[in-house]
C-alpha atoms as a PDB file:
ATOM      1  CA  MET A   1     144.542 106.227 125.256  1.00  0.00           C
ATOM      2  CA  THR A   2     143.673 108.871 122.671  1.00  0.00           C
ATOM      3  CA  GLU A   3     140.437 108.766 120.656  1.00  0.00           C
ATOM      4  CA  ILE A   4     142.396 108.005 117.473  1.00  0.00           C
ATOM      5  CA  ALA A   5     144.105 105.060 119.150  1.00  0.00           C
ATOM      6  CA  LYS A   6     140.756 103.760 120.412  1.00  0.00           C
ATOM      7  CA  ASP A   7     139.264 104.000 116.926  1.00  0.00           C
ATOM      8  CA  GLN A   8     142.220 102.096 115.492  1.00  0.00           C
ATOM      9  CA  GLU A   9     141.869  99.403 118.161  1.00  0.00           C
ATOM     10  CA  PHE A  10     138.142  99.016 117.415  1.00  0.00           C
ATOM     11  CA  ALA A  11     138.870  98.816 113.672  1.00  0.00           C
ATOM     12  CA  VAL A  12     141.455  96.055 114.191  1.00  0.00           C
ATOM     13  CA  ALA A  13     139.047  94.101 116.421  1.00  0.00           C
ATOM     14  CA  ALA A  14     136.277  94.461 113.835  1.00  0.00           C
ATOM     15  CA  ARG A  15     138.502  93.132 111.047  1.00  0.00           C
ATOM     16  CA  ARG A  16     139.414  90.128 113.190  1.00  0.00           C
ATOM     17  CA  GLN A  17     135.696  89.346 113.465  1.00  0.00           C
ATOM     18  CA  GLY A  18     135.208  89.589 109.695  1.00  0.00           C
ATOM     19  CA  TRP A  19     133.860  93.161 109.531  1.00  0.00           C
ATOM     20  CA  ARG A  20     135.273  95.772 107.199  1.00  0.00           C
ATOM     21  CA  ARG A  21     134.472  98.605 109.621  1.00  0.00           C
ATOM     22  CA  ALA A  22     134.117  99.099 113.359  1.00  0.00           C
ATOM     23  CA  PRO A  23     130.604  99.678 114.752  1.00  0.00           C
ATOM     24  CA  GLY A  24     129.360 103.247 114.464  1.00  0.00           C
ATOM     25  CA  GLU A  25     126.477 104.920 116.254  1.00  0.00           C
ATOM     26  CA  PRO A  26     124.186 102.533 118.185  1.00  0.00           C
ATOM     27  CA  SER A  27     121.046 101.326 116.459  1.00  0.00           C
ATOM     28  CA  LEU A  28     118.013 103.540 117.224  1.00  0.00           C
ATOM     29  CA  SER A  29     120.155 105.707 119.490  1.00  0.00           C
ATOM     30  CA  ASP A  30     117.138 107.454 121.067  1.00  0.00           C
ATOM     31  CA  VAL A  31     115.888 104.204 122.599  1.00  0.00           C
ATOM     32  CA  PHE A  32     119.073 102.108 122.568  1.00  0.00           C
ATOM     33  CA  ARG A  33     119.318 100.029 125.777  1.00  0.00           C
ATOM     34  CA  THR A  34     116.658 102.142 127.503  1.00  0.00           C
ATOM     35  CA  ILE A  35     114.730  99.170 128.921  1.00  0.00           C
ATOM     36  CA  ARG A  36     116.375  97.634 131.949  1.00  0.00           C
ATOM     37  CA  VAL A  37     116.824  93.878 132.006  1.00  0.00           C
ATOM     38  CA  SER A  38     117.566  92.126 135.271  1.00  0.00           C
ATOM     39  CA  SER A  39     120.197  89.399 135.246  1.00  0.00           C
ATOM     40  CA  THR A  40     118.758  87.942 138.449  1.00  0.00           C
ATOM     41  CA  GLY A  41     115.301  86.899 139.551  1.00  0.00           C
ATOM     42  CA  SER A  42     112.944  84.257 138.227  1.00  0.00           C
ATOM     43  CA  LEU A  43     113.019  82.996 134.656  1.00  0.00           C
ATOM     44  CA  TRP A  44     109.512  84.390 134.132  1.00  0.00           C
ATOM     45  CA  ARG A  45     110.522  87.881 135.270  1.00  0.00           C
ATOM     46  CA  ARG A  46     113.564  87.962 132.990  1.00  0.00           C
ATOM     47  CA  ALA A  47     111.551  86.669 130.030  1.00  0.00           C
ATOM     48  CA  ILE A  48     108.837  89.309 130.536  1.00  0.00           C
ATOM     49  CA  ALA A  49     111.459  92.052 130.139  1.00  0.00           C
ATOM     50  CA  PHE A  50     111.985  90.921 126.533  1.00  0.00           C
ATOM     51  CA  VAL A  51     108.286  90.755 125.609  1.00  0.00           C
ATOM     52  CA  GLY A  52     107.412  93.466 123.085  1.00  0.00           C
ATOM     53  CA  PRO A  53     109.715  93.619 120.049  1.00  0.00           C
ATOM     54  CA  GLY A  54     108.283  90.394 118.661  1.00  0.00           C
ATOM     55  CA  TYR A  55     104.779  91.850 118.639  1.00  0.00           C
ATOM     56  CA  LEU A  56     105.929  94.961 116.776  1.00  0.00           C
ATOM     57  CA  VAL A  57     107.299  92.564 114.181  1.00  0.00           C
ATOM     58  CA  ALA A  58     104.215  90.322 114.239  1.00  0.00           C
ATOM     59  CA  VAL A  59     101.820  93.116 113.306  1.00  0.00           C
ATOM     60  CA  GLY A  60     103.765  93.500 110.057  1.00  0.00           C
ATOM     61  CA  TYR A  61     102.988  89.873 109.192  1.00  0.00           C
ATOM     62  CA  MET A  62      99.239  90.490 109.185  1.00  0.00           C
ATOM     63  CA  ASP A  63      99.065  93.582 106.999  1.00  0.00           C
ATOM     64  CA  PRO A  64      96.309  94.096 104.370  1.00  0.00           C
ATOM     65  CA  GLY A  65      98.426  92.303 101.754  1.00  0.00           C
ATOM     66  CA  ASN A  66      98.055  89.127 103.800  1.00  0.00           C
ATOM     67  CA  TRP A  67      94.326  89.773 104.022  1.00  0.00           C
ATOM     68  CA  ALA A  68      93.890  89.878 100.255  1.00  0.00           C
ATOM     69  CA  THR A  69      95.804  86.652  99.601  1.00  0.00           C
ATOM     70  CA  SER A  70      94.195  84.816 102.528  1.00  0.00           C
ATOM     71  CA  ILE A  71      90.691  85.883 101.473  1.00  0.00           C
ATOM     72  CA  ALA A  72      91.323  84.762  97.884  1.00  0.00           C
ATOM     73  CA  GLY A  73      92.879  81.491  99.038  1.00  0.00           C
ATOM     74  CA  GLY A  74      90.046  80.663 101.414  1.00  0.00           C
ATOM     75  CA  ALA A  75      87.334  81.628  98.928  1.00  0.00           C
ATOM     76  CA  GLN A  76      88.788  79.528  96.095  1.00  0.00           C
ATOM     77  CA  PHE A  77      90.231  76.498  97.860  1.00  0.00           C
ATOM     78  CA  GLY A  78      88.642  76.370 101.293  1.00  0.00           C
ATOM     79  CA  TYR A  79      91.009  75.307 104.066  1.00  0.00           C
ATOM     80  CA  ALA A  80      93.621  73.702 101.783  1.00  0.00           C
ATOM     81  CA  LEU A  81      96.100  76.603 101.936  1.00  0.00           C
ATOM     82  CA  LEU A  82      96.336  76.680 105.734  1.00  0.00           C
ATOM     83  CA  PHE A  83      99.491  74.571 105.385  1.00  0.00           C
ATOM     84  CA  VAL A  84     101.085  77.341 103.315  1.00  0.00           C
ATOM     85  CA  ALA A  85     100.239  79.874 106.030  1.00  0.00           C
ATOM     86  CA  LEU A  86     101.916  77.578 108.566  1.00  0.00           C
ATOM     87  CA  LEU A  87     104.964  77.051 106.334  1.00  0.00           C
ATOM     88  CA  SER A  88     105.424  80.771 105.717  1.00  0.00           C
ATOM     89  CA  ASN A  89     105.140  81.403 109.446  1.00  0.00           C
ATOM     90  CA  VAL A  90     107.892  78.881 110.182  1.00  0.00           C
ATOM     91  CA  MET A  91     110.068  80.678 107.627  1.00  0.00           C
ATOM     92  CA  ALA A  92     109.332  83.980 109.357  1.00  0.00           C
ATOM     93  CA  ILE A  93     110.248  82.556 112.773  1.00  0.00           C
ATOM     94  CA  VAL A  94     113.621  81.366 111.449  1.00  0.00           C
ATOM     95  CA  LEU A  95     114.384  84.690 109.742  1.00  0.00           C
ATOM     96  CA  GLN A  96     113.449  86.766 112.780  1.00  0.00           C
ATOM     97  CA  SER A  97     115.504  84.593 115.114  1.00  0.00           C
ATOM     98  CA  LEU A  98     118.496  85.131 112.821  1.00  0.00           C
ATOM     99  CA  CYS A  99     117.926  88.890 113.001  1.00  0.00           C
ATOM    100  CA  ALA A 100     117.883  88.747 116.797  1.00  0.00           C
ATOM    101  CA  ARG A 101     121.073  86.670 116.763  1.00  0.00           C
ATOM    102  CA  LEU A 102     122.776  89.219 114.488  1.00  0.00           C
ATOM    103  CA  ALA A 103     121.753  92.157 116.664  1.00  0.00           C
ATOM    104  CA  ILE A 104     122.613  90.638 120.026  1.00  0.00           C
ATOM    105  CA  GLY A 105     125.813  88.975 118.863  1.00  0.00           C
ATOM    106  CA  SER A 106     127.313  91.849 116.870  1.00  0.00           C
ATOM    107  CA  GLY A 107     125.629  94.927 118.345  1.00  0.00           C
ATOM    108  CA  ARG A 108     124.506  95.932 114.849  1.00  0.00           C
ATOM    109  CA  ASP A 109     121.132  96.033 113.174  1.00  0.00           C
ATOM    110  CA  LEU A 110     120.787  94.536 109.685  1.00  0.00           C
ATOM    111  CA  ALA A 111     121.396  97.851 107.922  1.00  0.00           C
ATOM    112  CA  GLN A 112     124.547  98.524 109.950  1.00  0.00           C
ATOM    113  CA  ALA A 113     125.748  94.971 109.348  1.00  0.00           C
ATOM    114  CA  CYS A 114     125.382  95.424 105.578  1.00  0.00           C
ATOM    115  CA  ARG A 115     127.281  98.698 105.778  1.00  0.00           C
ATOM    116  CA  ASP A 116     130.103  97.217 107.853  1.00  0.00           C
ATOM    117  CA  ALA A 117     130.382  93.890 106.008  1.00  0.00           C
ATOM    118  CA  PHE A 118     130.329  94.908 102.339  1.00  0.00           C
ATOM    119  CA  PRO A 119     132.091  97.445 100.108  1.00  0.00           C
ATOM    120  CA  ARG A 120     130.282 100.743  99.659  1.00  0.00           C
ATOM    121  CA  PRO A 121     128.924  99.973  96.129  1.00  0.00           C
ATOM    122  CA  VAL A 122     127.386  96.716  97.361  1.00  0.00           C
ATOM    123  CA  SER A 123     125.925  98.474 100.399  1.00  0.00           C
ATOM    124  CA  ALA A 124     124.400 101.121  98.137  1.00  0.00           C
ATOM    125  CA  VAL A 125     122.676  98.480  96.002  1.00  0.00           C
ATOM    126  CA  LEU A 126     121.385  96.683  99.102  1.00  0.00           C
ATOM    127  CA  TRP A 127     120.104  99.999 100.467  1.00  0.00           C
ATOM    128  CA  LEU A 128     118.256 100.713  97.213  1.00  0.00           C
ATOM    129  CA  PHE A 129     116.607  97.280  97.166  1.00  0.00           C
ATOM    130  CA  ALA A 130     115.666  97.619 100.835  1.00  0.00           C
ATOM    131  CA  GLU A 131     114.081 101.026 100.270  1.00  0.00           C
ATOM    132  CA  ILE A 132     112.046  99.719  97.333  1.00  0.00           C
ATOM    133  CA  ALA A 133     110.870  96.705  99.336  1.00  0.00           C
ATOM    134  CA  ILE A 134     109.946  98.805 102.372  1.00  0.00           C
ATOM    135  CA  ILE A 135     108.020 101.315 100.257  1.00  0.00           C
ATOM    136  CA  ALA A 136     106.165  98.510  98.484  1.00  0.00           C
ATOM    137  CA  THR A 137     105.108  96.850 101.734  1.00  0.00           C
ATOM    138  CA  ASP A 138     104.238 100.133 103.438  1.00  0.00           C
ATOM    139  CA  ILE A 139     101.945 101.139 100.573  1.00  0.00           C
ATOM    140  CA  ALA A 140      99.793  98.082 101.301  1.00  0.00           C
ATOM    141  CA  GLU A 141      99.536  99.052 104.968  1.00  0.00           C
ATOM    142  CA  VAL A 142      98.628 102.673 104.232  1.00  0.00           C
ATOM    143  CA  VAL A 143      96.035 101.740 101.620  1.00  0.00           C
ATOM    144  CA  GLY A 144      94.651  99.005 103.865  1.00  0.00           C
ATOM    145  CA  THR A 145      94.147 101.455 106.718  1.00  0.00           C
ATOM    146  CA  ALA A 146      92.462 103.882 104.339  1.00  0.00           C
ATOM    147  CA  ILE A 147      90.139 101.079 103.218  1.00  0.00           C
ATOM    148  CA  GLY A 148      89.363 100.331 106.867  1.00  0.00           C
ATOM    149  CA  LEU A 149      88.447 103.983 107.494  1.00  0.00           C
ATOM    150  CA  ASN A 150      86.301 103.953 104.365  1.00  0.00           C
ATOM    151  CA  LEU A 151      84.437 100.808 105.400  1.00  0.00           C
ATOM    152  CA  LEU A 152      83.858 102.044 108.949  1.00  0.00           C
ATOM    153  CA  PHE A 153      83.146 105.743 108.476  1.00  0.00           C
ATOM    154  CA  GLY A 154      82.704 106.242 104.728  1.00  0.00           C
ATOM    155  CA  ILE A 155      85.838 108.414 104.534  1.00  0.00           C
ATOM    156  CA  PRO A 156      87.137 108.739 100.934  1.00  0.00           C
ATOM    157  CA  LEU A 157      90.288 106.739 100.273  1.00  0.00           C
ATOM    158  CA  GLU A 158      92.339 109.845  99.408  1.00  0.00           C
ATOM    159  CA  LEU A 159      91.510 111.478 102.747  1.00  0.00           C
ATOM    160  CA  GLY A 160      91.998 108.156 104.501  1.00  0.00           C
ATOM    161  CA  VAL A 161      95.557 107.923 103.196  1.00  0.00           C
ATOM    162  CA  ILE A 162      96.324 111.386 104.599  1.00  0.00           C
ATOM    163  CA  ILE A 163      94.811 110.483 107.974  1.00  0.00           C
ATOM    164  CA  THR A 164      96.790 107.249 108.000  1.00  0.00           C
ATOM    165  CA  ALA A 165     100.042 109.129 107.412  1.00  0.00           C
ATOM    166  CA  LEU A 166      99.351 111.180 110.540  1.00  0.00           C
ATOM    167  CA  ASP A 167      99.618 108.128 112.801  1.00  0.00           C
ATOM    168  CA  VAL A 168     103.394 108.557 112.531  1.00  0.00           C
ATOM    169  CA  PHE A 169     103.068 111.496 114.926  1.00  0.00           C
ATOM    170  CA  LEU A 170     101.261 109.242 117.411  1.00  0.00           C
ATOM    171  CA  ILE A 171     104.176 106.811 117.338  1.00  0.00           C
ATOM    172  CA  LEU A 172     106.673 109.652 117.814  1.00  0.00           C
ATOM    173  CA  TRP A 173     104.680 110.923 120.796  1.00  0.00           C
ATOM    174  CA  LEU A 174     104.566 107.447 122.337  1.00  0.00           C
ATOM    175  CA  GLN A 175     108.313 107.098 121.801  1.00  0.00           C
ATOM    176  CA  LYS A 176     108.865 110.224 123.874  1.00  0.00           C
ATOM    177  CA  LEU A 177     106.987 108.554 126.719  1.00  0.00           C
ATOM    178  CA  GLY A 178     109.175 105.467 126.383  1.00  0.00           C
ATOM    179  CA  PHE A 179     109.558 102.547 123.999  1.00  0.00           C
ATOM    180  CA  ARG A 180     107.430 100.355 126.246  1.00  0.00           C
ATOM    181  CA  TRP A 181     104.452 102.605 125.402  1.00  0.00           C
ATOM    182  CA  ILE A 182     104.816 101.793 121.703  1.00  0.00           C
ATOM    183  CA  GLU A 183     104.945  98.088 122.504  1.00  0.00           C
ATOM    184  CA  ALA A 184     101.882  98.344 124.754  1.00  0.00           C
ATOM    185  CA  PHE A 185      99.963 100.227 122.045  1.00  0.00           C
ATOM    186  CA  VAL A 186     100.726  97.586 119.412  1.00  0.00           C
ATOM    187  CA  ILE A 187      99.883  94.705 121.764  1.00  0.00           C
ATOM    188  CA  ALA A 188      96.556  96.414 122.526  1.00  0.00           C
ATOM    189  CA  LEU A 189      95.829  96.624 118.786  1.00  0.00           C
ATOM    190  CA  LEU A 190      96.635  92.932 118.426  1.00  0.00           C
ATOM    191  CA  ALA A 191      94.252  92.115 121.278  1.00  0.00           C
ATOM    192  CA  VAL A 192      91.479  94.003 119.471  1.00  0.00           C
ATOM    193  CA  ILE A 193      92.224  92.127 116.222  1.00  0.00           C
ATOM    194  CA  PHE A 194      92.117  88.803 118.057  1.00  0.00           C
ATOM    195  CA  ALA A 195      88.785  89.645 119.698  1.00  0.00           C
ATOM    196  CA  CYS A 196      87.289  90.703 116.355  1.00  0.00           C
ATOM    197  CA  PHE A 197      88.227  87.454 114.638  1.00  0.00           C
ATOM    198  CA  LEU A 198      87.194  85.351 117.609  1.00  0.00           C
ATOM    199  CA  VAL A 199      83.654  86.693 117.268  1.00  0.00           C
ATOM    200  CA  GLN A 200      83.653  86.429 113.461  1.00  0.00           C
ATOM    201  CA  ILE A 201      84.871  82.823 113.488  1.00  0.00           C
ATOM    202  CA  SER A 202      82.223  81.873 116.033  1.00  0.00           C
ATOM    203  CA  LEU A 203      79.556  83.451 113.815  1.00  0.00           C
ATOM    204  CA  ALA A 204      80.880  81.727 110.671  1.00  0.00           C
ATOM    205  CA  ASP A 205      80.864  78.271 112.324  1.00  0.00           C
ATOM    206  CA  PRO A 206      83.650  76.675 110.224  1.00  0.00           C
ATOM    207  CA  ASP A 207      84.174  72.959 109.647  1.00  0.00           C
ATOM    208  CA  TRP A 208      86.830  72.306 112.304  1.00  0.00           C
ATOM    209  CA  ARG A 209      87.733  68.915 110.868  1.00  0.00           C
ATOM    210  CA  GLY A 210      88.452  70.646 107.559  1.00  0.00           C
ATOM    211  CA  VAL A 211      90.500  73.271 109.401  1.00  0.00           C
ATOM    212  CA  ILE A 212      92.692  70.625 111.038  1.00  0.00           C
ATOM    213  CA  LEU A 213      93.168  68.769 107.749  1.00  0.00           C
ATOM    214  CA  GLY A 214      94.041  72.065 106.055  1.00  0.00           C
ATOM    215  CA  PHE A 215      97.273  72.280 108.059  1.00  0.00           C
ATOM    216  CA  ALA A 216      98.499  69.040 106.440  1.00  0.00           C
ATOM    217  CA  PRO A 217     100.456  69.356 103.167  1.00  0.00           C
ATOM    218  CA  THR A 218      98.869  68.238  99.915  1.00  0.00           C
ATOM    219  CA  VAL A 219     100.312  67.699  96.438  1.00  0.00           C
ATOM    220  CA  ASP A 220      97.505  69.816  95.005  1.00  0.00           C
ATOM    221  CA  ILE A 221      99.363  72.906  96.192  1.00  0.00           C
ATOM    222  CA  VAL A 222     102.104  72.349  93.605  1.00  0.00           C
ATOM    223  CA  GLY A 223      99.979  70.432  91.101  1.00  0.00           C
ATOM    224  CA  ASN A 224      97.239  73.036  90.717  1.00  0.00           C
ATOM    225  CA  PRO A 225      98.605  76.205  89.011  1.00  0.00           C
ATOM    226  CA  ALA A 226      95.934  78.462  90.531  1.00  0.00           C
ATOM    227  CA  MET A 227      96.575  77.074  94.007  1.00  0.00           C
ATOM    228  CA  LEU A 228     100.342  77.369  93.557  1.00  0.00           C
ATOM    229  CA  TYR A 229      99.931  80.995  92.472  1.00  0.00           C
ATOM    230  CA  LEU A 230      97.993  81.846  95.631  1.00  0.00           C
ATOM    231  CA  ALA A 231     100.417  79.820  97.775  1.00  0.00           C
ATOM    232  CA  LEU A 232     103.322  81.893  96.476  1.00  0.00           C
ATOM    233  CA  GLY A 233     101.260  85.012  97.115  1.00  0.00           C
ATOM    234  CA  ILE A 234     100.694  84.003 100.739  1.00  0.00           C
ATOM    235  CA  ILE A 235     104.413  83.338 101.248  1.00  0.00           C
ATOM    236  CA  GLY A 236     105.362  86.604  99.550  1.00  0.00           C
ATOM    237  CA  ALA A 237     102.850  88.589 101.601  1.00  0.00           C
ATOM    238  CA  THR A 238     104.020  86.984 104.849  1.00  0.00           C
ATOM    239  CA  VAL A 239     107.807  87.358 104.672  1.00  0.00           C
ATOM    240  CA  MET A 240     108.216  91.125 105.083  1.00  0.00           C
ATOM    241  CA  PRO A 241     111.702  92.555 104.411  1.00  0.00           C
ATOM    242  CA  HIS A 242     111.228  95.640 106.576  1.00  0.00           C
ATOM    243  CA  ASN A 243     110.618  93.401 109.603  1.00  0.00           C
ATOM    244  CA  LEU A 244     114.149  92.047 109.294  1.00  0.00           C
ATOM    245  CA  TYR A 245     115.578  95.550 109.682  1.00  0.00           C
ATOM    246  CA  LEU A 246     113.056  96.501 112.360  1.00  0.00           C
ATOM    247  CA  HIS A 247     113.593  93.502 114.603  1.00  0.00           C
ATOM    248  CA  SER A 248     117.382  93.707 114.509  1.00  0.00           C
ATOM    249  CA  GLY A 249     117.084  97.308 115.706  1.00  0.00           C
ATOM    250  CA  ILE A 250     114.372  97.190 118.357  1.00  0.00           C
ATOM    251  CA  VAL A 251     115.727  94.088 120.095  1.00  0.00           C
ATOM    252  CA  GLN A 252     118.618  96.340 121.142  1.00  0.00           C
ATOM    253  CA  THR A 253     116.277  98.509 123.224  1.00  0.00           C
ATOM    254  CA  ARG A 254     116.953  95.991 126.021  1.00  0.00           C
ATOM    255  CA  ASP A 255     119.945  96.624 128.275  1.00  0.00           C
ATOM    256  CA  TYR A 256     121.005  92.977 128.453  1.00  0.00           C
ATOM    257  CA  GLY A 257     124.707  93.329 129.232  1.00  0.00           C
ATOM    258  CA  HIS A 258     127.809  92.496 127.210  1.00  0.00           C
ATOM    259  CA  SER A 259     129.140  89.201 128.557  1.00  0.00           C
ATOM    260  CA  PRO A 260     128.681  86.010 126.505  1.00  0.00           C
ATOM    261  CA  THR A 261     126.418  84.560 129.208  1.00  0.00           C
ATOM    262  CA  GLU A 262     124.173  87.630 129.220  1.00  0.00           C
ATOM    263  CA  LYS A 263     124.018  87.669 125.431  1.00  0.00           C
ATOM    264  CA  ARG A 264     123.072  83.987 125.285  1.00  0.00           C
ATOM    265  CA  ALA A 265     120.266  84.603 127.776  1.00  0.00           C
ATOM    266  CA  ALA A 266     119.110  87.666 125.822  1.00  0.00           C
ATOM    267  CA  LEU A 267     119.052  85.669 122.590  1.00  0.00           C
ATOM    268  CA  ARG A 268     117.007  82.918 124.212  1.00  0.00           C
ATOM    269  CA  PHE A 269     114.412  85.347 125.594  1.00  0.00           C
ATOM    270  CA  ALA A 270     114.265  87.382 122.377  1.00  0.00           C
ATOM    271  CA  THR A 271     113.667  84.185 120.392  1.00  0.00           C
ATOM    272  CA  TRP A 272     110.872  83.166 122.767  1.00  0.00           C
ATOM    273  CA  ASP A 273     109.283  86.582 122.325  1.00  0.00           C
ATOM    274  CA  SER A 274     109.405  86.591 118.528  1.00  0.00           C
ATOM    275  CA  THR A 275     108.288  82.954 118.241  1.00  0.00           C
ATOM    276  CA  ALA A 276     105.248  83.478 120.486  1.00  0.00           C
ATOM    277  CA  ALA A 277     104.346  86.708 118.682  1.00  0.00           C
ATOM    278  CA  LEU A 278     104.635  85.119 115.241  1.00  0.00           C
ATOM    279  CA  MET A 279     102.497  82.169 116.311  1.00  0.00           C
ATOM    280  CA  PHE A 280      99.903  84.782 117.243  1.00  0.00           C
ATOM    281  CA  ALA A 281     100.293  86.274 113.752  1.00  0.00           C
ATOM    282  CA  LEU A 282      99.713  82.792 112.302  1.00  0.00           C
ATOM    283  CA  LEU A 283      96.519  82.559 114.338  1.00  0.00           C
ATOM    284  CA  ILE A 284      95.235  85.816 112.827  1.00  0.00           C
ATOM    285  CA  ASN A 285      96.251  84.991 109.240  1.00  0.00           C
ATOM    286  CA  ALA A 286      94.746  81.524 109.545  1.00  0.00           C
ATOM    287  CA  SER A 287      91.562  83.089 110.940  1.00  0.00           C
ATOM    288  CA  ILE A 288      91.226  85.271 107.836  1.00  0.00           C
ATOM    289  CA  LEU A 289      91.554  82.239 105.577  1.00  0.00           C
ATOM    290  CA  ILE A 290      89.202  80.160 107.740  1.00  0.00           C
ATOM    291  CA  LEU A 291      86.613  82.944 107.723  1.00  0.00           C
ATOM    292  CA  ALA A 292      86.777  83.173 103.917  1.00  0.00           C
ATOM    293  CA  ALA A 293      86.523  79.400 103.558  1.00  0.00           C
ATOM    294  CA  ALA A 294      83.606  79.116 105.990  1.00  0.00           C
ATOM    295  CA  THR A 295      81.621  81.875 104.287  1.00  0.00           C
ATOM    296  CA  PHE A 296      82.559  82.542 100.658  1.00  0.00           C
ATOM    297  CA  HIS A 297      83.829  79.071  99.684  1.00  0.00           C
ATOM    298  CA  ARG A 298      80.956  77.315 101.433  1.00  0.00           C
ATOM    299  CA  ALA A 299      78.419  79.550  99.647  1.00  0.00           C
ATOM    300  CA  GLY A 300      80.068  79.030  96.250  1.00  0.00           C
ATOM    301  CA  HIS A 301      81.537  82.544  95.939  1.00  0.00           C
ATOM    302  CA  ALA A 302      85.013  81.445  94.843  1.00  0.00           C
ATOM    303  CA  ASP A 303      85.717  84.712  93.014  1.00  0.00           C
ATOM    304  CA  VAL A 304      85.903  86.886  96.149  1.00  0.00           C
ATOM    305  CA  ALA A 305      89.394  88.400  96.319  1.00  0.00           C
ATOM    306  CA  GLU A 306      88.904  92.076  97.175  1.00  0.00           C
ATOM    307  CA  ILE A 307      88.713  93.294 100.767  1.00  0.00           C
ATOM    308  CA  GLY A 308      85.751  95.537  99.953  1.00  0.00           C
ATOM    309  CA  ASP A 309      83.807  92.676  98.367  1.00  0.00           C
ATOM    310  CA  ALA A 310      84.504  90.451 101.354  1.00  0.00           C
ATOM    311  CA  HIS A 311      83.239  93.136 103.724  1.00  0.00           C
ATOM    312  CA  ALA A 312      80.042  93.641 101.720  1.00  0.00           C
ATOM    313  CA  MET A 313      79.227  89.921 101.544  1.00  0.00           C
ATOM    314  CA  LEU A 314      79.916  88.996 105.167  1.00  0.00           C
ATOM    315  CA  ALA A 315      76.631  90.201 106.664  1.00  0.00           C
ATOM    316  CA  PRO A 316      74.271  88.224 104.391  1.00  0.00           C
ATOM    317  CA  LEU A 317      76.416  85.076 104.513  1.00  0.00           C
ATOM    318  CA  VAL A 318      77.037  85.096 108.264  1.00  0.00           C
ATOM    319  CA  GLY A 319      73.621  86.462 109.142  1.00  0.00           C
ATOM    320  CA  SER A 320      74.890  89.230 111.400  1.00  0.00           C
ATOM    321  CA  LEU A 321      75.487  92.948 110.872  1.00  0.00           C
ATOM    322  CA  LEU A 322      78.201  92.789 113.520  1.00  0.00           C
ATOM    323  CA  ALA A 323      80.577  90.663 111.410  1.00  0.00           C
ATOM    324  CA  PRO A 324      81.417  93.272 108.728  1.00  0.00           C
ATOM    325  CA  LYS A 325      81.929  95.960 111.391  1.00  0.00           C
ATOM    326  CA  LEU A 326      84.371  93.756 113.273  1.00  0.00           C
ATOM    327  CA  PHE A 327      86.049  92.909 109.958  1.00  0.00           C
ATOM    328  CA  ALA A 328      86.631  96.617 109.264  1.00  0.00           C
ATOM    329  CA  VAL A 329      87.851  97.316 112.816  1.00  0.00           C
ATOM    330  CA  ALA A 330      90.383  94.477 112.573  1.00  0.00           C
ATOM    331  CA  LEU A 331      91.558  95.740 109.169  1.00  0.00           C
ATOM    332  CA  LEU A 332      92.028  99.245 110.573  1.00  0.00           C
ATOM    333  CA  CYS A 333      94.039  97.948 113.530  1.00  0.00           C
ATOM    334  CA  CYS A 334      96.241  95.830 111.233  1.00  0.00           C
ATOM    335  CA  GLY A 335      97.038  98.832 109.050  1.00  0.00           C
ATOM    336  CA  LEU A 336      97.862 101.134 111.940  1.00  0.00           C
END
């Protein structure tokens, strides 16, 4: 069969499935299906092969934008907005599982699916909106990392932004070593963040009964305009549009086979991975809010909303010089 005939056959098959175009180049072609997945062996071994993409997504759900809203929410309303953090995390889990389903089922990432499903003018508008959203969310991460460098080493913010931009070369170097290296690097950063907040929470000594009650919904969230404003901010800072594109691409780094049975298994393991990773992200975001509630709200400093102010006030309120240093280290790792 000639190449033209093959292209025509693929185009006909795509139209039967509801697509306007046949699939083009694989998503992230440099790392596409580069990680071997065994179809045999124990359930644990097969699940481990899919661990990684979810954590690359999860780190985007705890960027400095989340820090600002969680600090403000905890300082003003104590533990009451923990339910909103939980709700936004459930929304994120659903969205990311849909992205994995799209990628594994169709062999397309979200950007390719938009291109192949809609007319070109619609695709162009979607591309423009996606670029704006990605730039807006990335600015928060770059600035947050620069703030972390400033708090730790006194580096001016302008220079910190330049240094932060250079971490792209680190990611490119790790990609040359293999996509698993990028995943390992991000998981290591998440472990550092977890350790930092574990120590800070233990120093802050929160009211654990209040923490548990904070995960229950309350009508005050919609009845209090200030609380509703911060609740919407937490949801908006949590659901990150670039993660939808990212996850639908990187889940295809696994070589999971093409049969319906293999795809169903891949979808199950990918969903486990993203769900576990996003529950970890909830733990970190909740820790930020709990820390703010246990320190600023308890001491009557309800006006704390800036990351720099929170860093400066931690030491006297917690009674330890270690707390603000760990705070800055965690912020730096989140931004990277």
